[in-house]
Amino acid sequence: MTKPNLCKTNLVPDASEMIKIATLKKPYGIKGWLWVFSQTDERASIFQMQPWWMKTATGFKPLTVKDWRIQGQGLVACFNEVPDRNVAETMNGTSIWVCKDHLPKLADDEYYWSDLIGLTVMNEQAENLGVIKEMFETGAHEIISLKPTAQSIDNEPRLIPWHSDVVLSVDLSAGTMLVAWQSDY
């Protein structure tokens, strides 16, 4: 029996089918609006990815965008579930999630960071450098953070730049990434 895709129903989705796209920050104004910190390249594109779910201590709860706008360098929004500033005060730090199947399709050479987490990273010398723990951005470029495993060449965590000269190939089905990166870098 196959598991139904709960993201395509009105039921609460399974966490494995979700991806974090934003975090709510401090209230904006007195009417329950909140700053929204988008974790997407095109910040405002998160408003096209609906429905939203907020992660709470008791699981995922729906979060319905009533209105939003660009405010200065950031984004602000109001929600059906946040009627006033008092409730908004309790929402700082709440993470916003969507079902993965609601994300825009990518080009063949593009990847969602969440799909890269857990990939085994091998170098051209066939050395296992570890698995991807997280991805993050610096001012210059994205960084791949690796954690060692029992199969790694050593017990060293590594930071590798995401660059076309370094990342040679990604095979999501095999769970691997090939990099031009020496084990002693």
N, C-alpha and C. Protein backbone atom coordinates (compact mmCIF):
# COMPACT_ATOMS: atom_id res chain seq x y z
N MET A 1 0.85 -1.18 0.00
CA MET A 1 0.00 0.00 0.00
C MET A 1 0.89 1.24 0.00
N THR A 2 0.63 2.15 -0.89
CA THR A 2 1.45 3.35 -0.96
C THR A 2 0.91 4.42 -0.02
N LYS A 3 1.82 5.21 0.48
CA LYS A 3 1.46 6.28 1.39
C LYS A 3 0.92 7.46 0.59
N PRO A 4 -0.25 8.01 0.94
CA PRO A 4 -0.78 9.14 0.19
C PRO A 4 0.09 10.38 0.40
N ASN A 5 0.16 11.21 -0.62
CA ASN A 5 0.89 12.47 -0.49
C ASN A 5 -0.02 13.45 0.25
N LEU A 6 0.25 13.64 1.53
CA LEU A 6 -0.60 14.49 2.35
C LEU A 6 -0.51 15.95 1.95
N CYS A 7 0.50 16.32 1.19
CA CYS A 7 0.60 17.70 0.73
C CYS A 7 -0.48 18.01 -0.30
N LYS A 8 -1.04 16.99 -0.93
CA LYS A 8 -2.06 17.20 -1.94
C LYS A 8 -3.46 17.10 -1.35
N THR A 9 -3.54 16.94 -0.05
CA THR A 9 -4.83 16.86 0.62
C THR A 9 -4.95 18.00 1.62
N ASN A 10 -6.05 18.06 2.32
CA ASN A 10 -6.23 19.09 3.34
C ASN A 10 -5.72 18.64 4.71
N LEU A 11 -5.13 17.45 4.78
CA LEU A 11 -4.61 16.94 6.04
C LEU A 11 -3.26 17.57 6.35
N VAL A 12 -2.86 17.47 7.60
CA VAL A 12 -1.55 17.99 8.01
C VAL A 12 -0.48 17.14 7.32
N PRO A 13 0.44 17.76 6.61
CA PRO A 13 1.46 17.01 5.87
C PRO A 13 2.50 16.37 6.78
N ASP A 14 3.16 15.37 6.25
CA ASP A 14 4.25 14.69 6.92
C ASP A 14 5.50 15.59 6.86
N ALA A 15 6.27 15.63 7.93
CA ALA A 15 7.46 16.49 8.00
C ALA A 15 8.46 16.17 6.89
N SER A 16 8.54 14.91 6.45
CA SER A 16 9.50 14.54 5.41
C SER A 16 9.13 15.13 4.05
N GLU A 17 7.90 15.60 3.90
CA GLU A 17 7.45 16.20 2.65
C GLU A 17 7.51 17.71 2.67
N MET A 18 8.07 18.27 3.75
CA MET A 18 8.07 19.72 3.94
C MET A 18 9.48 20.29 3.78
N ILE A 19 9.52 21.59 3.46
CA ILE A 19 10.78 22.31 3.38
C ILE A 19 10.56 23.69 4.01
N LYS A 20 11.55 24.12 4.79
CA LYS A 20 11.47 25.42 5.45
C LYS A 20 11.80 26.51 4.44
N ILE A 21 10.93 27.53 4.38
CA ILE A 21 11.16 28.62 3.41
C ILE A 21 11.35 29.97 4.07
N ALA A 22 10.95 30.11 5.34
CA ALA A 22 11.02 31.43 5.98
C ALA A 22 10.91 31.30 7.49
N THR A 23 11.18 32.42 8.15
CA THR A 23 11.03 32.52 9.60
C THR A 23 10.33 33.84 9.89
N LEU A 24 9.36 33.79 10.80
CA LEU A 24 8.70 35.01 11.24
C LEU A 24 9.60 35.72 12.24
N LYS A 25 9.62 37.03 12.16
CA LYS A 25 10.45 37.84 13.06
C LYS A 25 9.55 38.74 13.90
N LYS A 26 10.07 39.86 14.34
CA LYS A 26 9.35 40.77 15.23
C LYS A 26 8.09 41.34 14.58
N PRO A 27 7.14 41.76 15.42
CA PRO A 27 5.94 42.41 14.88
C PRO A 27 6.28 43.70 14.15
N TYR A 28 5.44 44.04 13.20
CA TYR A 28 5.56 45.29 12.46
C TYR A 28 4.25 46.05 12.66
N GLY A 29 4.30 47.16 13.34
CA GLY A 29 3.10 47.96 13.57
C GLY A 29 2.23 47.40 14.67
N ILE A 30 1.00 47.89 14.75
CA ILE A 30 0.11 47.53 15.85
C ILE A 30 -1.04 46.61 15.44
N LYS A 31 -1.10 46.23 14.17
CA LYS A 31 -2.25 45.45 13.69
C LYS A 31 -1.95 43.97 13.48
N GLY A 32 -0.85 43.47 14.02
CA GLY A 32 -0.57 42.04 13.93
C GLY A 32 0.32 41.63 12.77
N TRP A 33 0.85 42.59 12.02
CA TRP A 33 1.78 42.27 10.94
C TRP A 33 3.10 41.80 11.53
N LEU A 34 3.83 40.98 10.77
CA LEU A 34 5.13 40.46 11.21
C LEU A 34 6.16 40.62 10.08
N TRP A 35 7.42 40.81 10.48
CA TRP A 35 8.50 40.74 9.52
C TRP A 35 8.66 39.27 9.13
N VAL A 36 8.92 39.01 7.86
CA VAL A 36 9.11 37.66 7.35
C VAL A 36 10.50 37.58 6.74
N PHE A 37 11.34 36.69 7.29
CA PHE A 37 12.68 36.48 6.75
C PHE A 37 12.64 35.31 5.77
N SER A 38 12.70 35.62 4.49
CA SER A 38 12.62 34.61 3.43
C SER A 38 13.98 33.93 3.26
N GLN A 39 13.97 32.63 3.06
CA GLN A 39 15.20 31.87 2.83
C GLN A 39 15.32 31.43 1.38
N THR A 40 14.69 32.18 0.49
CA THR A 40 14.77 31.87 -0.94
C THR A 40 15.59 32.94 -1.65
N ASP A 41 16.13 32.59 -2.81
CA ASP A 41 16.93 33.56 -3.57
C ASP A 41 16.11 34.79 -3.93
N GLU A 42 14.93 34.58 -4.46
CA GLU A 42 14.02 35.68 -4.76
C GLU A 42 13.05 35.77 -3.59
N ARG A 43 13.35 36.67 -2.67
CA ARG A 43 12.66 36.70 -1.37
C ARG A 43 11.14 36.69 -1.47
N ALA A 44 10.58 37.49 -2.32
CA ALA A 44 9.12 37.60 -2.39
C ALA A 44 8.46 36.38 -3.03
N SER A 45 9.24 35.50 -3.62
CA SER A 45 8.66 34.32 -4.28
C SER A 45 7.99 33.37 -3.28
N ILE A 46 8.29 33.50 -2.00
CA ILE A 46 7.65 32.62 -1.01
C ILE A 46 6.15 32.81 -0.97
N PHE A 47 5.66 33.98 -1.36
CA PHE A 47 4.23 34.23 -1.31
C PHE A 47 3.48 33.51 -2.44
N GLN A 48 4.22 32.98 -3.40
CA GLN A 48 3.61 32.17 -4.46
C GLN A 48 3.56 30.69 -4.07
N MET A 49 4.25 30.33 -3.00
CA MET A 49 4.29 28.94 -2.53
C MET A 49 3.27 28.77 -1.41
N GLN A 50 2.10 28.34 -1.76
CA GLN A 50 1.04 28.19 -0.78
C GLN A 50 0.51 26.76 -0.81
N PRO A 51 -0.03 26.22 0.23
CA PRO A 51 -0.26 26.84 1.53
C PRO A 51 0.98 26.80 2.42
N TRP A 52 0.98 27.68 3.40
CA TRP A 52 2.05 27.74 4.39
C TRP A 52 1.65 26.95 5.61
N TRP A 53 2.67 26.41 6.27
CA TRP A 53 2.49 25.71 7.54
C TRP A 53 3.51 26.27 8.52
N MET A 54 3.08 26.53 9.75
CA MET A 54 4.04 26.95 10.78
C MET A 54 4.32 25.75 11.66
N LYS A 55 5.58 25.63 12.05
CA LYS A 55 5.99 24.52 12.90
C LYS A 55 5.85 24.96 14.36
N THR A 56 5.05 24.20 15.10
CA THR A 56 4.84 24.50 16.52
C THR A 56 5.29 23.32 17.36
N ALA A 57 5.24 23.46 18.66
CA ALA A 57 5.63 22.38 19.57
C ALA A 57 4.72 21.16 19.41
N THR A 58 3.51 21.37 18.91
CA THR A 58 2.56 20.26 18.76
C THR A 58 2.42 19.80 17.31
N GLY A 59 3.28 20.28 16.43
CA GLY A 59 3.23 19.86 15.03
C GLY A 59 2.99 21.03 14.09
N PHE A 60 2.66 20.72 12.84
CA PHE A 60 2.43 21.74 11.84
C PHE A 60 1.00 22.26 11.93
N LYS A 61 0.87 23.58 11.86
CA LYS A 61 -0.44 24.24 11.86
C LYS A 61 -0.51 25.14 10.62
N PRO A 62 -1.69 25.27 10.00
CA PRO A 62 -1.79 26.13 8.82
C PRO A 62 -1.55 27.60 9.16
N LEU A 63 -0.99 28.33 8.23
CA LEU A 63 -0.77 29.76 8.37
C LEU A 63 -1.19 30.41 7.04
N THR A 64 -2.25 31.19 7.09
CA THR A 64 -2.84 31.75 5.88
C THR A 64 -2.45 33.22 5.73
N VAL A 65 -1.77 33.54 4.64
CA VAL A 65 -1.36 34.91 4.35
C VAL A 65 -2.60 35.71 3.93
N LYS A 66 -2.87 36.78 4.69
CA LYS A 66 -3.99 37.66 4.36
C LYS A 66 -3.52 38.78 3.43
N ASP A 67 -2.33 39.31 3.70
CA ASP A 67 -1.76 40.39 2.90
C ASP A 67 -0.26 40.42 3.15
N TRP A 68 0.50 40.96 2.21
CA TRP A 68 1.94 41.12 2.38
C TRP A 68 2.43 42.26 1.51
N ARG A 69 3.65 42.72 1.81
CA ARG A 69 4.27 43.76 0.98
C ARG A 69 5.77 43.83 1.28
N ILE A 70 6.48 44.45 0.36
CA ILE A 70 7.89 44.75 0.57
C ILE A 70 7.94 46.01 1.42
N GLN A 71 8.72 45.97 2.48
CA GLN A 71 8.85 47.11 3.38
C GLN A 71 10.34 47.40 3.53
N GLY A 72 10.82 48.47 2.91
CA GLY A 72 12.26 48.77 2.95
C GLY A 72 13.03 47.64 2.29
N GLN A 73 13.97 47.05 3.04
CA GLN A 73 14.78 45.94 2.53
C GLN A 73 14.19 44.58 2.88
N GLY A 74 13.02 44.54 3.52
CA GLY A 74 12.46 43.28 3.96
C GLY A 74 11.03 43.06 3.50
N LEU A 75 10.42 42.04 4.08
CA LEU A 75 9.04 41.67 3.78
C LEU A 75 8.23 41.69 5.06
N VAL A 76 6.99 42.14 4.98
CA VAL A 76 6.07 42.08 6.11
C VAL A 76 4.78 41.44 5.62
N ALA A 77 4.08 40.77 6.54
CA ALA A 77 2.83 40.12 6.18
C ALA A 77 1.90 40.07 7.37
N CYS A 78 0.61 39.93 7.05
CA CYS A 78 -0.38 39.68 8.09
C CYS A 78 -1.09 38.37 7.75
N PHE A 79 -1.60 37.70 8.78
CA PHE A 79 -2.12 36.35 8.64
C PHE A 79 -3.48 36.23 9.32
N ASN A 80 -4.32 35.36 8.79
CA ASN A 80 -5.63 35.11 9.40
C ASN A 80 -5.50 34.64 10.84
N GLU A 81 -4.46 33.87 11.12
CA GLU A 81 -4.27 33.28 12.45
C GLU A 81 -3.63 34.24 13.46
N VAL A 82 -3.26 35.44 13.02
CA VAL A 82 -2.61 36.43 13.90
C VAL A 82 -3.47 37.69 13.88
N PRO A 83 -4.46 37.78 14.78
CA PRO A 83 -5.42 38.88 14.72
C PRO A 83 -4.92 40.23 15.22
N ASP A 84 -3.86 40.24 16.04
CA ASP A 84 -3.42 41.52 16.60
C ASP A 84 -1.95 41.45 17.02
N ARG A 85 -1.44 42.58 17.48
CA ARG A 85 -0.03 42.65 17.88
C ARG A 85 0.28 41.73 19.06
N ASN A 86 -0.66 41.54 19.98
CA ASN A 86 -0.41 40.66 21.13
C ASN A 86 -0.06 39.25 20.68
N VAL A 87 -0.81 38.72 19.72
CA VAL A 87 -0.51 37.40 19.18
C VAL A 87 0.79 37.44 18.38
N ALA A 88 0.98 38.51 17.61
CA ALA A 88 2.21 38.66 16.82
C ALA A 88 3.45 38.62 17.70
N GLU A 89 3.36 39.18 18.90
CA GLU A 89 4.50 39.17 19.83
C GLU A 89 4.95 37.76 20.17
N THR A 90 4.05 36.79 20.10
CA THR A 90 4.39 35.40 20.45
C THR A 90 4.93 34.61 19.26
N MET A 91 4.95 35.20 18.08
CA MET A 91 5.29 34.47 16.85
C MET A 91 6.75 34.60 16.43
N ASN A 92 7.52 35.47 17.08
CA ASN A 92 8.91 35.70 16.69
C ASN A 92 9.69 34.38 16.73
N GLY A 93 10.32 34.02 15.61
CA GLY A 93 11.11 32.80 15.53
C GLY A 93 10.35 31.61 14.97
N THR A 94 9.07 31.75 14.72
CA THR A 94 8.28 30.65 14.16
C THR A 94 8.75 30.36 12.73
N SER A 95 9.00 29.09 12.43
CA SER A 95 9.45 28.73 11.09
C SER A 95 8.26 28.43 10.19
N ILE A 96 8.41 28.79 8.91
CA ILE A 96 7.36 28.63 7.90
C ILE A 96 7.81 27.55 6.92
N TRP A 97 6.89 26.63 6.64
CA TRP A 97 7.19 25.47 5.79
C TRP A 97 6.16 25.35 4.69
N VAL A 98 6.56 24.74 3.57
CA VAL A 98 5.63 24.39 2.49
C VAL A 98 5.94 22.95 2.06
N CYS A 99 5.00 22.36 1.39
CA CYS A 99 5.22 21.03 0.82
C CYS A 99 6.21 21.15 -0.34
N LYS A 100 7.12 20.21 -0.42
CA LYS A 100 8.13 20.24 -1.48
C LYS A 100 7.52 20.27 -2.87
N ASP A 101 6.37 19.61 -3.03
CA ASP A 101 5.78 19.58 -4.38
C ASP A 101 5.15 20.92 -4.78
N HIS A 102 5.17 21.91 -3.88
CA HIS A 102 4.68 23.25 -4.23
C HIS A 102 5.82 24.20 -4.62
N LEU A 103 7.04 23.70 -4.62
CA LEU A 103 8.19 24.52 -5.00
C LEU A 103 8.30 24.60 -6.52
N PRO A 104 8.84 25.70 -7.03
CA PRO A 104 9.02 25.81 -8.48
C PRO A 104 10.01 24.75 -8.98
N LYS A 105 9.80 24.29 -10.21
CA LYS A 105 10.72 23.34 -10.83
C LYS A 105 12.03 24.05 -11.14
N LEU A 106 13.13 23.32 -11.01
CA LEU A 106 14.46 23.88 -11.24
C LEU A 106 15.04 23.39 -12.55
N ALA A 107 16.03 24.11 -13.04
CA ALA A 107 16.77 23.66 -14.22
C ALA A 107 17.60 22.43 -13.83
N ASP A 108 18.09 21.71 -14.82
CA ASP A 108 18.83 20.47 -14.57
C ASP A 108 20.06 20.66 -13.68
N ASP A 109 20.69 21.82 -13.75
CA ASP A 109 21.91 22.04 -12.97
C ASP A 109 21.66 22.85 -11.69
N GLU A 110 20.40 22.93 -11.26
CA GLU A 110 20.06 23.65 -10.03
C GLU A 110 19.50 22.67 -9.01
N TYR A 111 19.69 22.99 -7.71
CA TYR A 111 19.26 22.10 -6.64
C TYR A 111 18.72 22.92 -5.48
N TYR A 112 17.74 22.36 -4.81
CA TYR A 112 17.33 22.93 -3.53
C TYR A 112 18.31 22.44 -2.48
N TRP A 113 18.73 23.35 -1.61
CA TRP A 113 19.69 22.98 -0.58
C TRP A 113 19.21 21.79 0.24
N SER A 114 17.93 21.76 0.53
CA SER A 114 17.40 20.66 1.35
C SER A 114 17.61 19.31 0.68
N ASP A 115 17.68 19.27 -0.66
CA ASP A 115 17.92 18.01 -1.36
C ASP A 115 19.39 17.59 -1.28
N LEU A 116 20.27 18.52 -0.96
CA LEU A 116 21.70 18.20 -0.89
C LEU A 116 22.12 17.70 0.50
N ILE A 117 21.36 18.06 1.52
CA ILE A 117 21.69 17.64 2.88
C ILE A 117 21.70 16.11 2.94
N GLY A 118 22.77 15.56 3.48
CA GLY A 118 22.89 14.11 3.62
C GLY A 118 23.62 13.43 2.48
N LEU A 119 23.94 14.15 1.39
CA LEU A 119 24.69 13.53 0.30
C LEU A 119 26.11 13.21 0.77
N THR A 120 26.65 12.10 0.30
CA THR A 120 28.04 11.74 0.56
C THR A 120 28.91 12.47 -0.45
N VAL A 121 29.95 13.13 0.04
CA VAL A 121 30.84 13.91 -0.83
C VAL A 121 32.14 13.15 -1.04
N MET A 122 32.43 12.89 -2.30
CA MET A 122 33.65 12.19 -2.70
C MET A 122 34.51 13.15 -3.52
N ASN A 123 35.83 13.00 -3.40
CA ASN A 123 36.70 13.81 -4.26
C ASN A 123 37.18 12.97 -5.44
N GLU A 124 37.96 13.57 -6.32
CA GLU A 124 38.41 12.90 -7.54
C GLU A 124 39.35 11.73 -7.24
N GLN A 125 39.90 11.69 -6.04
CA GLN A 125 40.77 10.60 -5.63
C GLN A 125 39.97 9.45 -5.00
N ALA A 126 38.63 9.53 -5.10
CA ALA A 126 37.70 8.54 -4.55
C ALA A 126 37.78 8.46 -3.03
N GLU A 127 38.11 9.59 -2.40
CA GLU A 127 38.13 9.65 -0.93
C GLU A 127 36.79 10.20 -0.45
N ASN A 128 36.24 9.56 0.55
CA ASN A 128 34.99 10.00 1.16
C ASN A 128 35.31 11.14 2.13
N LEU A 129 34.83 12.34 1.84
CA LEU A 129 35.13 13.50 2.67
C LEU A 129 34.09 13.74 3.76
N GLY A 130 32.96 13.03 3.70
CA GLY A 130 31.91 13.19 4.70
C GLY A 130 30.56 13.39 4.02
N VAL A 131 29.57 13.75 4.83
CA VAL A 131 28.23 14.01 4.30
C VAL A 131 27.89 15.48 4.52
N ILE A 132 27.01 15.99 3.66
CA ILE A 132 26.62 17.39 3.76
C ILE A 132 25.72 17.57 4.98
N LYS A 133 26.18 18.40 5.91
CA LYS A 133 25.43 18.70 7.12
C LYS A 133 24.50 19.88 6.90
N GLU A 134 25.02 20.90 6.22
CA GLU A 134 24.21 22.09 5.95
C GLU A 134 24.85 22.88 4.82
N MET A 135 24.07 23.81 4.29
CA MET A 135 24.53 24.75 3.29
C MET A 135 24.27 26.14 3.86
N PHE A 136 25.18 27.06 3.59
CA PHE A 136 24.93 28.43 4.01
C PHE A 136 25.63 29.38 3.04
N GLU A 137 25.23 30.63 3.12
CA GLU A 137 25.74 31.62 2.19
C GLU A 137 26.62 32.62 2.92
N THR A 138 27.71 32.99 2.26
CA THR A 138 28.54 34.08 2.74
C THR A 138 28.33 35.23 1.75
N GLY A 139 29.01 36.31 1.93
CA GLY A 139 28.88 37.40 0.98
C GLY A 139 29.38 37.03 -0.40
N ALA A 140 30.37 36.14 -0.47
CA ALA A 140 30.98 35.78 -1.74
C ALA A 140 30.26 34.64 -2.46
N HIS A 141 29.92 33.57 -1.73
CA HIS A 141 29.29 32.41 -2.36
C HIS A 141 28.72 31.46 -1.32
N GLU A 142 28.09 30.40 -1.80
CA GLU A 142 27.52 29.40 -0.91
C GLU A 142 28.62 28.47 -0.41
N ILE A 143 28.41 27.91 0.77
CA ILE A 143 29.37 27.01 1.39
C ILE A 143 28.69 25.68 1.71
N ILE A 144 29.39 24.59 1.44
CA ILE A 144 28.94 23.25 1.79
C ILE A 144 29.65 22.87 3.08
N SER A 145 28.89 22.57 4.13
CA SER A 145 29.47 22.16 5.41
C SER A 145 29.34 20.65 5.52
N LEU A 146 30.48 19.97 5.68
CA LEU A 146 30.49 18.51 5.78
C LEU A 146 30.77 18.06 7.20
N LYS A 147 30.13 16.97 7.57
CA LYS A 147 30.44 16.32 8.84
C LYS A 147 31.02 14.95 8.53
N PRO A 148 32.00 14.53 9.31
CA PRO A 148 32.61 13.22 9.05
C PRO A 148 31.66 12.08 9.45
N THR A 149 31.87 10.93 8.84
CA THR A 149 31.11 9.72 9.17
C THR A 149 32.12 8.60 9.41
N ALA A 150 31.63 7.43 9.75
CA ALA A 150 32.50 6.27 9.96
C ALA A 150 33.22 5.89 8.67
N GLN A 151 32.64 6.23 7.51
CA GLN A 151 33.24 5.88 6.23
C GLN A 151 34.17 6.98 5.68
N SER A 152 34.24 8.12 6.34
CA SER A 152 35.07 9.24 5.88
C SER A 152 36.55 8.90 5.98
N ILE A 153 37.33 9.60 5.18
CA ILE A 153 38.78 9.39 5.17
C ILE A 153 39.42 9.78 6.51
N ASP A 154 38.81 10.72 7.22
CA ASP A 154 39.30 11.14 8.54
C ASP A 154 38.11 11.65 9.35
N ASN A 155 38.39 12.20 10.50
CA ASN A 155 37.33 12.67 11.39
C ASN A 155 37.22 14.19 11.38
N GLU A 156 37.57 14.80 10.24
CA GLU A 156 37.60 16.25 10.14
C GLU A 156 36.33 16.81 9.50
N PRO A 157 35.69 17.80 10.12
CA PRO A 157 34.63 18.52 9.41
C PRO A 157 35.26 19.40 8.33
N ARG A 158 34.53 19.68 7.28
CA ARG A 158 35.09 20.46 6.18
C ARG A 158 34.10 21.52 5.71
N LEU A 159 34.63 22.61 5.18
CA LEU A 159 33.85 23.64 4.50
C LEU A 159 34.37 23.71 3.08
N ILE A 160 33.47 23.53 2.13
CA ILE A 160 33.85 23.51 0.71
C ILE A 160 32.99 24.55 -0.02
N PRO A 161 33.60 25.40 -0.85
CA PRO A 161 32.79 26.38 -1.58
C PRO A 161 31.95 25.72 -2.66
N TRP A 162 30.73 26.20 -2.82
CA TRP A 162 29.89 25.75 -3.93
C TRP A 162 30.28 26.60 -5.12
N HIS A 163 31.07 26.03 -6.00
CA HIS A 163 31.57 26.75 -7.16
C HIS A 163 31.68 25.76 -8.31
N SER A 164 31.47 26.21 -9.53
CA SER A 164 31.50 25.30 -10.68
C SER A 164 32.86 24.63 -10.87
N ASP A 165 33.94 25.26 -10.41
CA ASP A 165 35.26 24.64 -10.50
C ASP A 165 35.46 23.57 -9.43
N VAL A 166 34.65 23.60 -8.38
CA VAL A 166 34.82 22.68 -7.26
C VAL A 166 33.78 21.55 -7.31
N VAL A 167 32.51 21.91 -7.45
CA VAL A 167 31.45 20.90 -7.50
C VAL A 167 31.36 20.39 -8.94
N LEU A 168 31.82 19.16 -9.14
CA LEU A 168 31.88 18.60 -10.49
C LEU A 168 30.58 17.93 -10.92
N SER A 169 29.93 17.25 -9.97
CA SER A 169 28.66 16.61 -10.31
C SER A 169 27.87 16.31 -9.04
N VAL A 170 26.56 16.24 -9.22
CA VAL A 170 25.64 15.88 -8.14
C VAL A 170 24.75 14.78 -8.68
N ASP A 171 24.66 13.69 -7.93
CA ASP A 171 23.78 12.58 -8.32
C ASP A 171 22.83 12.34 -7.16
N LEU A 172 21.64 12.97 -7.23
CA LEU A 172 20.67 12.85 -6.14
C LEU A 172 20.19 11.41 -5.97
N SER A 173 20.01 10.69 -7.07
CA SER A 173 19.52 9.31 -6.96
C SER A 173 20.54 8.40 -6.29
N ALA A 174 21.83 8.65 -6.50
CA ALA A 174 22.87 7.86 -5.85
C ALA A 174 23.26 8.42 -4.49
N GLY A 175 22.82 9.65 -4.20
CA GLY A 175 23.14 10.27 -2.92
C GLY A 175 24.58 10.72 -2.80
N THR A 176 25.17 11.16 -3.94
CA THR A 176 26.58 11.55 -3.93
C THR A 176 26.82 12.87 -4.63
N MET A 177 27.93 13.49 -4.25
CA MET A 177 28.44 14.69 -4.90
C MET A 177 29.93 14.47 -5.14
N LEU A 178 30.40 14.79 -6.35
CA LEU A 178 31.81 14.69 -6.69
C LEU A 178 32.40 16.10 -6.69
N VAL A 179 33.53 16.25 -5.97
CA VAL A 179 34.16 17.57 -5.87
C VAL A 179 35.64 17.51 -6.23
N ALA A 180 36.15 18.61 -6.72
CA ALA A 180 37.58 18.77 -6.96
C ALA A 180 38.15 19.42 -5.69
N TRP A 181 38.40 18.60 -4.68
CA TRP A 181 38.80 19.09 -3.37
C TRP A 181 39.68 18.05 -2.70
N GLN A 182 40.88 18.44 -2.39
CA GLN A 182 41.82 17.50 -1.75
C GLN A 182 41.44 17.29 -0.27
N SER A 183 41.73 16.14 0.25
CA SER A 183 41.40 15.83 1.64
C SER A 183 42.21 16.68 2.62
N ASP A 184 43.34 17.23 2.18
CA ASP A 184 44.17 18.03 3.09
C ASP A 184 43.94 19.53 2.95
N TYR A 185 42.90 19.94 2.24
CA TYR A 185 42.60 21.37 2.11
C TYR A 185 41.98 21.85 3.41
